[in-house]
């Protein structure tokens, strides 16, 4: 008796490739959104605060 059910190897292979591709695409998309939408703004704000803090400290030390 031969195989009564067709093998699902090709369907499974296509599904795995689709899942991996979708995962990388969405990961890259949301990673970029986080990096440019949130992280860069926070770093700019932090750097501005430290620059102002250094100016304040330099002014206090000059007096």
PDB file of N, CA and C in Angstrom:
ATOM      1  N   UNK A   1       0.843  -1.173   0.000  1.00  0.00           N
ATOM      2  CA  UNK A   1       0.000   0.000   0.000  1.00  0.00           C
ATOM      3  C   UNK A   1       0.892   1.242   0.000  1.00  0.00           C
ATOM      4  N   UNK A   2       0.730   2.053  -0.994  1.00  0.00           N
ATOM      5  CA  UNK A   2       1.523   3.274  -1.125  1.00  0.00           C
ATOM      6  C   UNK A   2       0.976   4.339  -0.183  1.00  0.00           C
ATOM      7  N   UNK A   3       1.635   5.460  -0.189  1.00  0.00           N
ATOM      8  CA  UNK A   3       1.221   6.556   0.690  1.00  0.00           C
ATOM      9  C   UNK A   3      -0.157   7.061   0.281  1.00  0.00           C
ATOM     10  N   UNK A   4      -1.090   7.002   1.213  1.00  0.00           N
ATOM     11  CA  UNK A   4      -2.449   7.461   0.945  1.00  0.00           C
ATOM     12  C   UNK A   4      -2.549   8.977   1.066  1.00  0.00           C
ATOM     13  N   UNK A   5      -1.644   9.548   1.815  1.00  0.00           N
ATOM     14  CA  UNK A   5      -1.646  10.998   2.024  1.00  0.00           C
ATOM     15  C   UNK A   5      -0.413  11.575   1.343  1.00  0.00           C
ATOM     16  N   UNK A   6      -0.604  12.657   0.610  1.00  0.00           N
ATOM     17  CA  UNK A   6       0.520  13.282  -0.077  1.00  0.00           C
ATOM     18  C   UNK A   6       1.466  13.914   0.945  1.00  0.00           C
ATOM     19  N   UNK A   7       2.750  13.870   0.669  1.00  0.00           N
ATOM     20  CA  UNK A   7       3.687  14.528   1.584  1.00  0.00           C
ATOM     21  C   UNK A   7       3.486  16.039   1.560  1.00  0.00           C
ATOM     22  N   UNK A   8       3.704  16.663   2.700  1.00  0.00           N
ATOM     23  CA  UNK A   8       3.481  18.109   2.823  1.00  0.00           C
ATOM     24  C   UNK A   8       4.794  18.877   2.848  1.00  0.00           C
ATOM     25  N   UNK A   9       5.838  18.271   2.362  1.00  0.00           N
ATOM     26  CA  UNK A   9       7.173  18.860   2.451  1.00  0.00           C
ATOM     27  C   UNK A   9       7.249  20.201   1.738  1.00  0.00           C
ATOM     28  N   UNK A  10       6.767  20.287   0.511  1.00  0.00           N
ATOM     29  CA  UNK A  10       6.905  21.542  -0.227  1.00  0.00           C
ATOM     30  C   UNK A  10       6.061  22.657   0.384  1.00  0.00           C
ATOM     31  N   UNK A  11       4.865  22.327   0.857  1.00  0.00           N
ATOM     32  CA  UNK A  11       4.016  23.331   1.497  1.00  0.00           C
ATOM     33  C   UNK A  11       4.661  23.819   2.791  1.00  0.00           C
ATOM     34  N   UNK A  12       5.192  22.895   3.559  1.00  0.00           N
ATOM     35  CA  UNK A  12       5.849  23.254   4.812  1.00  0.00           C
ATOM     36  C   UNK A  12       7.077  24.121   4.541  1.00  0.00           C
ATOM     37  N   UNK A  13       7.829  23.763   3.507  1.00  0.00           N
ATOM     38  CA  UNK A  13       9.018  24.534   3.153  1.00  0.00           C
ATOM     39  C   UNK A  13       8.646  25.954   2.745  1.00  0.00           C
ATOM     40  N   UNK A  14       7.607  26.103   1.925  1.00  0.00           N
ATOM     41  CA  UNK A  14       7.161  27.437   1.524  1.00  0.00           C
ATOM     42  C   UNK A  14       6.670  28.229   2.724  1.00  0.00           C
ATOM     43  N   UNK A  15       5.964  27.579   3.630  1.00  0.00           N
ATOM     44  CA  UNK A  15       5.430  28.259   4.811  1.00  0.00           C
ATOM     45  C   UNK A  15       6.564  28.736   5.724  1.00  0.00           C
ATOM     46  N   UNK A  16       7.579  27.901   5.885  1.00  0.00           N
ATOM     47  CA  UNK A  16       8.709  28.291   6.732  1.00  0.00           C
ATOM     48  C   UNK A  16       9.435  29.485   6.124  1.00  0.00           C
ATOM     49  N   UNK A  17       9.661  29.445   4.813  1.00  0.00           N
ATOM     50  CA  UNK A  17      10.331  30.564   4.143  1.00  0.00           C
ATOM     51  C   UNK A  17       9.496  31.834   4.273  1.00  0.00           C
ATOM     52  N   UNK A  18       8.180  31.719   4.109  1.00  0.00           N
ATOM     53  CA  UNK A  18       7.292  32.877   4.259  1.00  0.00           C
ATOM     54  C   UNK A  18       7.344  33.423   5.683  1.00  0.00           C
ATOM     55  N   UNK A  19       7.300  32.530   6.676  1.00  0.00           N
ATOM     56  CA  UNK A  19       7.343  32.969   8.073  1.00  0.00           C
ATOM     57  C   UNK A  19       8.659  33.671   8.408  1.00  0.00           C
ATOM     58  N   UNK A  20       9.764  33.118   7.943  1.00  0.00           N
ATOM     59  CA  UNK A  20      11.065  33.726   8.230  1.00  0.00           C
ATOM     60  C   UNK A  20      11.189  35.077   7.532  1.00  0.00           C
ATOM     61  N   UNK A  21      10.767  35.139   6.273  1.00  0.00           N
ATOM     62  CA  UNK A  21      10.829  36.400   5.531  1.00  0.00           C
ATOM     63  C   UNK A  21       9.949  37.461   6.178  1.00  0.00           C
ATOM     64  N   UNK A  22       8.738  37.071   6.565  1.00  0.00           N
ATOM     65  CA  UNK A  22       7.826  38.005   7.224  1.00  0.00           C
ATOM     66  C   UNK A  22       8.402  38.475   8.559  1.00  0.00           C
ATOM     67  N   UNK A  23       8.993  37.556   9.303  1.00  0.00           N
ATOM     68  CA  UNK A  23       9.593  37.914  10.587  1.00  0.00           C
ATOM     69  C   UNK A  23      10.718  38.920  10.443  1.00  0.00           C
ATOM     70  N   UNK A  24      11.604  38.679   9.479  1.00  0.00           N
ATOM     71  CA  UNK A  24      12.701  39.624   9.258  1.00  0.00           C
ATOM     72  C   UNK A  24      12.186  40.974   8.771  1.00  0.00           C
ATOM     73  N   UNK A  25      11.198  40.947   7.881  1.00  0.00           N
ATOM     74  CA  UNK A  25      10.667  42.207   7.345  1.00  0.00           C
ATOM     75  C   UNK A  25       9.994  43.025   8.446  1.00  0.00           C
ATOM     76  N   UNK A  26       9.139  42.386   9.233  1.00  0.00           N
ATOM     77  CA  UNK A  26       8.463  43.112  10.312  1.00  0.00           C
ATOM     78  C   UNK A  26       9.448  43.535  11.401  1.00  0.00           C
ATOM     79  N   UNK A  27      10.419  42.682  11.691  1.00  0.00           N
ATOM     80  CA  UNK A  27      11.440  43.045  12.668  1.00  0.00           C
ATOM     81  C   UNK A  27      12.238  44.256  12.226  1.00  0.00           C
ATOM     82  N   UNK A  28      12.619  44.278  10.958  1.00  0.00           N
ATOM     83  CA  UNK A  28      13.340  45.438  10.431  1.00  0.00           C
ATOM     84  C   UNK A  28      12.493  46.687  10.430  1.00  0.00           C
ATOM     85  N   UNK A  29      11.224  46.542  10.070  1.00  0.00           N
ATOM     86  CA  UNK A  29      10.314  47.683  10.034  1.00  0.00           C
ATOM     87  C   UNK A  29      10.119  48.277  11.425  1.00  0.00           C
ATOM     88  N   UNK A  30       9.780  47.434  12.395  1.00  0.00           N
ATOM     89  CA  UNK A  30       9.542  47.946  13.739  1.00  0.00           C
ATOM     90  C   UNK A  30      10.838  48.378  14.422  1.00  0.00           C
ATOM     91  N   UNK A  31      11.950  47.715  14.094  1.00  0.00           N
ATOM     92  CA  UNK A  31      13.239  48.154  14.620  1.00  0.00           C
ATOM     93  C   UNK A  31      13.605  49.538  14.120  1.00  0.00           C
ATOM     94  N   UNK A  32      13.385  49.781  12.844  1.00  0.00           N
ATOM     95  CA  UNK A  32      13.657  51.110  12.280  1.00  0.00           C
ATOM     96  C   UNK A  32      12.716  52.153  12.859  1.00  0.00           C
ATOM     97  N   UNK A  33      11.451  51.782  13.036  1.00  0.00           N
ATOM     98  CA  UNK A  33      10.489  52.721  13.620  1.00  0.00           C
ATOM     99  C   UNK A  33      10.908  53.091  15.038  1.00  0.00           C
ATOM    100  N   UNK A  34      11.355  52.109  15.820  1.00  0.00           N
ATOM    101  CA  UNK A  34      11.795  52.399  17.181  1.00  0.00           C
ATOM    102  C   UNK A  34      13.054  53.260  17.159  1.00  0.00           C
ATOM    103  N   UNK A  35      14.009  52.897  16.287  1.00  0.00           N
ATOM    104  CA  UNK A  35      15.291  53.606  16.257  1.00  0.00           C
ATOM    105  C   UNK A  35      15.110  55.064  15.878  1.00  0.00           C
ATOM    106  N   UNK A  36      14.404  55.323  14.774  1.00  0.00           N
ATOM    107  CA  UNK A  36      14.271  56.692  14.284  1.00  0.00           C
ATOM    108  C   UNK A  36      13.100  57.433  14.924  1.00  0.00           C
ATOM    109  N   UNK A  37      12.095  56.730  15.402  1.00  0.00           N
ATOM    110  CA  UNK A  37      10.934  57.382  15.984  1.00  0.00           C
ATOM    111  C   UNK A  37      11.068  57.660  17.463  1.00  0.00           C
ATOM    112  N   UNK A  38      11.850  56.865  18.175  1.00  0.00           N
ATOM    113  CA  UNK A  38      11.950  57.025  19.624  1.00  0.00           C
ATOM    114  C   UNK A  38      13.395  57.238  20.074  1.00  0.00           C
ATOM    115  N   UNK A  39      14.271  56.328  19.725  1.00  0.00           N
ATOM    116  CA  UNK A  39      15.632  56.334  20.252  1.00  0.00           C
ATOM    117  C   UNK A  39      16.409  57.589  19.876  1.00  0.00           C
ATOM    118  N   UNK A  40      16.377  57.972  18.615  1.00  0.00           N
ATOM    119  CA  UNK A  40      17.144  59.137  18.171  1.00  0.00           C
ATOM    120  C   UNK A  40      16.671  60.410  18.864  1.00  0.00           C
ATOM    121  N   UNK A  41      15.358  60.537  19.084  1.00  0.00           N
ATOM    122  CA  UNK A  41      14.831  61.717  19.782  1.00  0.00           C
ATOM    123  C   UNK A  41      15.311  61.744  21.229  1.00  0.00           C
ATOM    124  N   UNK A  42      15.325  60.593  21.879  1.00  0.00           N
ATOM    125  CA  UNK A  42      15.769  60.536  23.268  1.00  0.00           C
ATOM    126  C   UNK A  42      17.257  60.856  23.386  1.00  0.00           C
ATOM    127  N   UNK A  43      18.059  60.363  22.464  1.00  0.00           N
ATOM    128  CA  UNK A  43      19.497  60.640  22.489  1.00  0.00           C
ATOM    129  C   UNK A  43      19.755  62.121  22.256  1.00  0.00           C
ATOM    130  N   UNK A  44      19.026  62.723  21.324  1.00  0.00           N
ATOM    131  CA  UNK A  44      19.178  64.155  21.061  1.00  0.00           C
ATOM    132  C   UNK A  44      18.801  64.965  22.293  1.00  0.00           C
ATOM    133  N   UNK A  45      17.705  64.593  22.939  1.00  0.00           N
ATOM    134  CA  UNK A  45      17.267  65.289  24.153  1.00  0.00           C
ATOM    135  C   UNK A  45      18.297  65.133  25.272  1.00  0.00           C
ATOM    136  N   UNK A  46      18.832  63.929  25.435  1.00  0.00           N
ATOM    137  CA  UNK A  46      19.838  63.686  26.467  1.00  0.00           C
ATOM    138  C   UNK A  46      21.109  64.480  26.197  1.00  0.00           C
ATOM    139  N   UNK A  47      21.566  64.480  24.957  1.00  0.00           N
ATOM    140  CA  UNK A  47      22.780  65.218  24.612  1.00  0.00           C
ATOM    141  C   UNK A  47      22.599  66.718  24.820  1.00  0.00           C
ATOM    142  N   UNK A  48      21.418  67.236  24.508  1.00  0.00           N
ATOM    143  CA  UNK A  48      21.146  68.657  24.728  1.00  0.00           C
ATOM    144  C   UNK A  48      21.167  68.974  26.222  1.00  0.00           C
ATOM    145  N   UNK A  49      20.621  68.063  27.037  1.00  0.00           N
ATOM    146  CA  UNK A  49      20.619  68.283  28.485  1.00  0.00           C
ATOM    147  C   UNK A  49      22.046  68.307  29.022  1.00  0.00           C
ATOM    148  N   UNK A  50      22.880  67.371  28.573  1.00  0.00           N
ATOM    149  CA  UNK A  50      24.265  67.340  29.041  1.00  0.00           C
ATOM    150  C   UNK A  50      25.057  68.553  28.564  1.00  0.00           C
ATOM    151  N   UNK A  51      24.791  69.027  27.359  1.00  0.00           N
ATOM    152  CA  UNK A  51      25.474  70.233  26.871  1.00  0.00           C
ATOM    153  C   UNK A  51      25.101  71.434  27.732  1.00  0.00           C
ATOM    154  N   UNK A  52      23.822  71.555  28.063  1.00  0.00           N
ATOM    155  CA  UNK A  52      23.377  72.656  28.924  1.00  0.00           C
ATOM    156  C   UNK A  52      23.956  72.507  30.331  1.00  0.00           C
ATOM    157  N   UNK A  53      24.017  71.285  30.818  1.00  0.00           N
ATOM    158  CA  UNK A  53      24.579  71.013  32.142  1.00  0.00           C
ATOM    159  C   UNK A  53      26.058  71.399  32.198  1.00  0.00           C
ATOM    160  N   UNK A  54      26.791  71.062  31.149  1.00  0.00           N
ATOM    161  CA  UNK A  54      28.209  71.428  31.097  1.00  0.00           C
ATOM    162  C   UNK A  54      28.393  72.941  31.070  1.00  0.00           C
ATOM    163  N   UNK A  55      27.540  73.653  30.334  1.00  0.00           N
ATOM    164  CA  UNK A  55      27.610  75.117  30.313  1.00  0.00           C
ATOM    165  C   UNK A  55      27.346  75.683  31.702  1.00  0.00           C
ATOM    166  N   UNK A  56      26.359  75.137  32.385  1.00  0.00           N
ATOM    167  CA  UNK A  56      26.025  75.598  33.735  1.00  0.00           C
ATOM    168  C   UNK A  56      27.192  75.356  34.683  1.00  0.00           C
ATOM    169  N   UNK A  57      27.777  74.175  34.621  1.00  0.00           N
ATOM    170  CA  UNK A  57      28.905  73.860  35.491  1.00  0.00           C
ATOM    171  C   UNK A  57      30.112  74.745  35.176  1.00  0.00           C
ATOM    172  N   UNK A  58      30.353  74.999  33.900  1.00  0.00           N
ATOM    173  CA  UNK A  58      31.474  75.860  33.517  1.00  0.00           C
ATOM    174  C   UNK A  58      31.245  77.284  34.017  1.00  0.00           C
ATOM    175  N   UNK A  59      30.005  77.767  33.959  1.00  0.00           N
ATOM    176  CA  UNK A  59      29.689  79.115  34.445  1.00  0.00           C
ATOM    177  C   UNK A  59      29.851  79.187  35.959  1.00  0.00           C
ATOM    178  N   UNK A  60      29.465  78.137  36.665  1.00  0.00           N
ATOM    179  CA  UNK A  60      29.615  78.123  38.122  1.00  0.00           C
ATOM    180  C   UNK A  60      31.084  78.078  38.523  1.00  0.00           C
ATOM    181  N   UNK A  61      31.883  77.332  37.782  1.00  0.00           N
ATOM    182  CA  UNK A  61      33.312  77.234  38.103  1.00  0.00           C
ATOM    183  C   UNK A  61      34.066  78.508  37.746  1.00  0.00           C
ATOM    184  N   UNK A  62      33.562  79.277  36.798  1.00  0.00           N
ATOM    185  CA  UNK A  62      34.220  80.521  36.388  1.00  0.00           C
ATOM    186  C   UNK A  62      34.014  81.619  37.423  1.00  0.00           C
ATOM    187  N   UNK A  63      32.974  81.517  38.204  1.00  0.00           N
ATOM    188  CA  UNK A  63      32.670  82.563  39.198  1.00  0.00           C
ATOM    189  C   UNK A  63      33.532  82.492  40.403  1.00  0.00           C
TER     190      UNK A  63
END
